[in-house]
Amino acid sequence: MMTYEYELRPQQAAYVFLYAFALKEVGFLRKPLLGTLFILIGVVIGIAITSVLHLTTGYSLFNVPANQPEPPAASDNTELIAFAYTVMEDIIGGDFVALSRAAHPSFGVVFSPYPTISLTADRCFQAEQIAGFASDTNVYVWGVNDGTGEPIEMTALDYFAEYVLDRDYMSASMLGINRIVKSGNALDNIADVFPDARFVDFHIPGDDKDSAEDCDWSSLRLGFEEYNGKLWLTLVLHSKWTT
């Protein structure tokens, strides 16, 4: 259950004091001289309270933080990993509404079926489109098939089944933090296309993981970028050995 915490700032405390004072002394306010005197006293006391609390909290008189730092950038890898697993849970659970809430609010999310990202060939969806994937019967072009060179034409659910949920990536035995665990013979260009992205590589080794001939591995990489001090999902990339 979500809870909220409310902070009474210094100037608000002063206003509350003034208001309560005026209500209590409302009888005196009918006399202009006494009313003015009590209001002035209230103002002086209110400003005094504000000044004292300003020194201890850093807030200025007019509700503007004084020398308060900007919201910290989401630079902690612990937060990155936790967010990546949350997104993975949404993907595996088919909760596209929850997944849409992680989507970058202005850029959207690029879905790349292979490690070579193409912003012209790969599909980019906005949050509201992702939220409707479960019932979306439209057939989209998601890129080009590695084996045939033909366009990948699928509904969202079909694409997820083949290029996102083809393995149990939640149970991946290897995790790459801003690092590609394994590359195949296709160009890994995430650093070129998304230079500001941070990503988590959920990697599943093949049966012959210690061999140079291992071709049965696969990865799902979730890429994130910062926007307004928060991390947002910008990339869902599927990687495996290509021909």
Protein backbone atom coordinates (compact mmCIF):
# COMPACT_ATOMS: atom_id res chain seq x y z
CA MET A 1 0.00 0.00 0.00
CA MET A 2 1.39 3.38 -0.98
CA THR A 3 1.80 5.90 1.79
CA TYR A 4 2.49 9.61 1.63
CA GLU A 5 4.45 11.82 3.97
CA TYR A 6 3.70 15.50 4.28
CA GLU A 7 6.29 18.01 5.45
CA LEU A 8 5.21 21.25 7.09
CA ARG A 9 7.66 23.83 5.81
CA PRO A 10 8.78 26.86 7.87
CA GLN A 11 6.70 29.51 6.12
CA GLN A 12 3.66 27.24 6.27
CA ALA A 13 4.16 26.92 10.01
CA ALA A 14 4.21 30.69 10.26
CA TYR A 15 1.00 31.01 8.27
CA VAL A 16 -0.71 28.40 10.44
CA PHE A 17 0.34 30.30 13.54
CA LEU A 18 -0.98 33.57 12.11
CA TYR A 19 -4.27 32.00 11.12
CA ALA A 20 -4.81 30.37 14.50
CA PHE A 21 -3.85 33.57 16.26
CA ALA A 22 -6.29 35.61 14.21
CA LEU A 23 -9.13 33.15 14.87
CA LYS A 24 -8.47 33.15 18.57
CA GLU A 25 -8.41 36.91 18.77
CA VAL A 26 -11.23 37.54 16.34
CA GLY A 27 -13.13 39.48 18.99
CA PHE A 28 -10.35 41.98 19.28
CA LEU A 29 -10.15 42.45 15.54
CA ARG A 30 -13.41 44.34 15.68
CA LYS A 31 -11.43 47.14 17.33
CA PRO A 32 -9.20 48.57 14.58
CA LEU A 33 -6.30 49.59 16.82
CA LEU A 34 -6.15 46.37 18.82
CA GLY A 35 -6.75 44.29 15.71
CA THR A 36 -3.84 45.93 13.89
CA LEU A 37 -1.61 45.50 16.93
CA PHE A 38 -2.38 41.78 17.25
CA ILE A 39 -1.86 41.23 13.52
CA LEU A 40 1.54 42.94 13.71
CA ILE A 41 2.50 40.82 16.70
CA GLY A 42 1.43 37.72 14.83
CA VAL A 43 3.48 38.71 11.78
CA VAL A 44 6.59 39.33 13.88
CA ILE A 45 6.23 35.98 15.68
CA GLY A 46 5.52 34.19 12.40
CA ILE A 47 8.61 35.64 10.73
CA ALA A 48 10.68 34.73 13.78
CA ILE A 49 9.45 31.11 13.58
CA THR A 50 10.16 31.06 9.84
CA SER A 51 13.69 32.42 10.30
CA VAL A 52 14.57 29.90 12.99
CA LEU A 53 13.23 26.96 11.02
CA HIS A 54 14.91 28.26 7.86
CA LEU A 55 18.27 28.01 9.58
CA THR A 56 17.60 24.39 10.54
CA THR A 57 15.89 23.12 7.36
CA GLY A 58 17.37 25.17 4.51
CA TYR A 59 14.04 26.42 3.19
CA SER A 60 13.64 30.07 2.36
CA LEU A 61 10.79 32.37 3.31
CA PHE A 62 8.93 31.97 0.02
CA ASN A 63 8.84 28.18 -0.23
CA VAL A 64 11.96 27.93 -2.39
CA PRO A 65 14.68 25.61 -1.14
CA ALA A 66 17.82 27.56 -0.32
CA ASN A 67 20.97 25.91 -1.67
CA GLN A 68 19.12 22.60 -2.04
CA PRO A 69 20.84 20.24 -4.51
CA GLU A 70 19.09 18.91 -7.60
CA PRO A 71 17.50 15.45 -7.26
CA PRO A 72 20.34 12.96 -7.34
CA ALA A 73 20.99 11.21 -10.61
CA ALA A 74 20.05 7.53 -10.62
CA SER A 75 23.67 6.43 -10.70
CA ASP A 76 23.63 3.60 -8.19
CA ASN A 77 23.96 0.19 -9.84
CA THR A 78 21.86 -1.30 -7.05
CA GLU A 79 18.93 0.79 -8.23
CA LEU A 80 19.68 -0.11 -11.85
CA ILE A 81 19.67 -3.85 -11.14
CA ALA A 82 16.54 -3.68 -9.00
CA PHE A 83 14.72 -1.74 -11.71
CA ALA A 84 15.88 -4.19 -14.38
CA TYR A 85 14.49 -7.13 -12.41
CA THR A 86 11.21 -5.28 -11.89
CA VAL A 87 10.93 -4.72 -15.64
CA MET A 88 11.80 -8.37 -16.23
CA GLU A 89 9.02 -9.44 -13.87
CA ASP A 90 6.55 -7.30 -15.82
CA ILE A 91 7.72 -8.85 -19.09
CA ILE A 92 7.52 -12.43 -17.87
CA GLY A 93 4.16 -11.82 -16.22
CA GLY A 94 2.76 -10.25 -19.37
CA ASP A 95 1.87 -7.11 -17.43
CA PHE A 96 2.21 -4.63 -20.27
CA VAL A 97 0.45 -1.87 -18.36
CA ALA A 98 3.11 -2.05 -15.65
CA LEU A 99 5.81 -2.31 -18.33
CA SER A 100 4.48 0.84 -20.00
CA ARG A 101 5.04 2.78 -16.77
CA ALA A 102 8.76 2.07 -17.07
CA ALA A 103 8.93 3.34 -20.67
CA HIS A 104 10.84 6.55 -21.34
CA PRO A 105 8.12 9.25 -21.36
CA SER A 106 9.39 11.11 -24.43
CA PHE A 107 11.56 8.64 -26.36
CA GLY A 108 9.69 5.37 -25.81
CA VAL A 109 11.25 1.91 -26.01
CA VAL A 110 13.19 0.37 -28.90
CA PHE A 111 12.78 -3.38 -29.41
CA SER A 112 15.74 -4.92 -31.21
CA PRO A 113 15.64 -8.64 -32.18
CA TYR A 114 19.44 -8.73 -32.61
CA PRO A 115 22.48 -7.02 -31.03
CA THR A 116 22.93 -4.65 -33.99
CA ILE A 117 20.48 -1.85 -33.23
CA SER A 118 18.95 0.11 -36.09
CA LEU A 119 16.75 3.04 -35.17
CA THR A 120 15.31 2.97 -38.69
CA ALA A 121 14.62 -0.77 -38.95
CA ASP A 122 13.87 -1.67 -35.32
CA ARG A 123 10.54 -0.78 -33.79
CA CYS A 124 10.10 1.98 -31.21
CA PHE A 125 6.89 2.12 -29.17
CA GLN A 126 5.50 4.76 -26.84
CA ALA A 127 4.17 3.94 -23.39
CA GLU A 128 0.50 4.02 -24.39
CA GLN A 129 1.19 1.55 -27.23
CA ILE A 130 3.05 -0.83 -24.92
CA ALA A 131 0.17 -0.74 -22.44
CA GLY A 132 -2.11 -2.20 -25.13
CA PHE A 133 0.18 -5.01 -26.35
CA ALA A 134 -1.94 -7.77 -24.78
CA SER A 135 -4.89 -7.00 -27.06
CA ASP A 136 -3.00 -5.49 -30.01
CA THR A 137 -3.64 -7.57 -33.13
CA ASN A 138 -1.69 -5.29 -35.46
CA VAL A 139 1.20 -6.85 -37.36
CA TYR A 140 4.37 -4.74 -37.14
CA VAL A 141 7.74 -4.94 -38.84
CA TRP A 142 10.32 -5.39 -36.06
CA GLY A 143 13.46 -5.61 -38.17
CA VAL A 144 15.01 -8.08 -40.56
CA ASN A 145 15.32 -11.81 -39.94
CA ASP A 146 18.95 -12.88 -39.62
CA GLY A 147 18.46 -16.20 -41.33
CA THR A 148 16.36 -15.20 -44.32
CA GLY A 149 16.78 -11.44 -44.69
CA GLU A 150 13.01 -11.15 -44.73
CA PRO A 151 11.21 -8.57 -42.59
CA ILE A 152 10.14 -9.75 -39.14
CA GLU A 153 6.37 -9.29 -39.33
CA MET A 154 4.61 -10.16 -36.08
CA THR A 155 2.08 -9.02 -33.55
CA ALA A 156 3.47 -7.76 -30.25
CA LEU A 157 2.64 -11.02 -28.45
CA ASP A 158 4.26 -13.14 -31.17
CA TYR A 159 7.37 -11.00 -31.10
CA PHE A 160 7.65 -11.29 -27.32
CA ALA A 161 7.26 -15.06 -27.54
CA GLU A 162 10.14 -15.42 -30.00
CA TYR A 163 12.51 -12.55 -29.22
CA VAL A 164 11.90 -11.66 -25.57
CA LEU A 165 10.54 -14.73 -23.79
CA ASP A 166 12.42 -17.41 -25.72
CA ARG A 167 14.40 -18.28 -22.54
CA ASP A 168 13.90 -17.84 -18.81
CA TYR A 169 16.03 -14.73 -18.47
CA MET A 170 14.84 -14.08 -14.93
CA SER A 171 16.93 -17.13 -13.98
CA ALA A 172 19.95 -16.03 -16.00
CA SER A 173 23.13 -17.38 -14.41
CA MET A 174 25.25 -14.45 -15.57
CA LEU A 175 24.53 -10.75 -15.29
CA GLY A 176 26.42 -8.00 -17.09
CA ILE A 177 26.13 -4.51 -15.58
CA ASN A 178 26.86 -2.00 -18.32
CA ARG A 179 28.87 -4.81 -19.88
CA ILE A 180 28.09 -7.26 -22.67
CA VAL A 181 28.68 -10.74 -21.30
CA LYS A 182 29.09 -12.46 -24.67
CA SER A 183 29.10 -11.34 -28.28
CA GLY A 184 28.51 -13.32 -31.44
CA ASN A 185 29.42 -12.44 -34.98
CA ALA A 186 26.97 -9.53 -35.17
CA LEU A 187 28.01 -5.97 -34.34
CA ASP A 188 27.16 -4.93 -30.78
CA ASN A 189 26.53 -1.23 -31.21
CA ILE A 190 24.58 -0.33 -28.07
CA ALA A 191 27.33 2.09 -27.00
CA ASP A 192 27.12 3.92 -30.33
CA VAL A 193 23.34 4.14 -30.61
CA PHE A 194 22.66 4.72 -26.91
CA PRO A 195 25.84 6.38 -25.58
CA ASP A 196 24.12 7.56 -22.39
CA ALA A 197 22.36 4.28 -21.67
CA ARG A 198 23.03 2.00 -18.75
CA PHE A 199 22.04 -1.60 -19.27
CA VAL A 200 21.76 -5.01 -17.67
CA ASP A 201 22.66 -8.05 -19.74
CA PHE A 202 20.71 -11.15 -18.62
CA HIS A 203 22.88 -13.90 -20.09
CA ILE A 204 22.23 -17.63 -20.39
CA PRO A 205 25.31 -19.62 -21.45
CA GLY A 206 25.06 -22.48 -23.87
CA ASP A 207 25.72 -26.12 -23.09
CA ASP A 208 29.34 -25.69 -24.16
CA LYS A 209 29.93 -22.39 -22.39
CA ASP A 210 33.68 -22.92 -21.99
CA SER A 211 34.20 -23.63 -25.65
CA ALA A 212 34.86 -21.12 -28.41
CA GLU A 213 32.36 -23.07 -30.48
CA ASP A 214 29.52 -22.39 -28.04
CA CYS A 215 26.63 -21.11 -30.15
CA ASP A 216 23.68 -21.96 -27.93
CA TRP A 217 23.89 -18.93 -25.64
CA SER A 218 21.42 -16.04 -25.54
CA SER A 219 20.97 -12.71 -23.77
CA LEU A 220 18.26 -10.20 -23.11
CA ARG A 221 19.55 -6.69 -22.50
CA LEU A 222 17.46 -4.02 -20.88
CA GLY A 223 18.73 -0.50 -21.49
CA PHE A 224 17.86 2.54 -19.39
CA GLU A 225 18.46 6.27 -19.60
CA GLU A 226 18.04 9.02 -17.05
CA TYR A 227 15.33 11.63 -17.52
CA ASN A 228 14.34 14.17 -14.88
CA GLY A 229 16.46 12.35 -12.31
CA LYS A 230 14.88 8.94 -12.86
CA LEU A 231 15.76 5.84 -14.81
CA TRP A 232 13.50 4.91 -17.72
CA LEU A 233 13.44 1.91 -20.01
CA THR A 234 14.63 2.75 -23.54
CA LEU A 235 15.76 -0.58 -24.97
CA VAL A 236 14.79 -4.26 -24.98
CA LEU A 237 17.41 -6.13 -26.99
CA HIS A 238 17.65 -9.84 -27.79
CA SER A 239 21.06 -11.27 -28.54
CA LYS A 240 22.25 -14.67 -29.68
CA TRP A 241 24.60 -16.24 -32.18
CA THR A 242 23.70 -15.08 -35.69
CA THR A 243 24.67 -16.48 -39.08
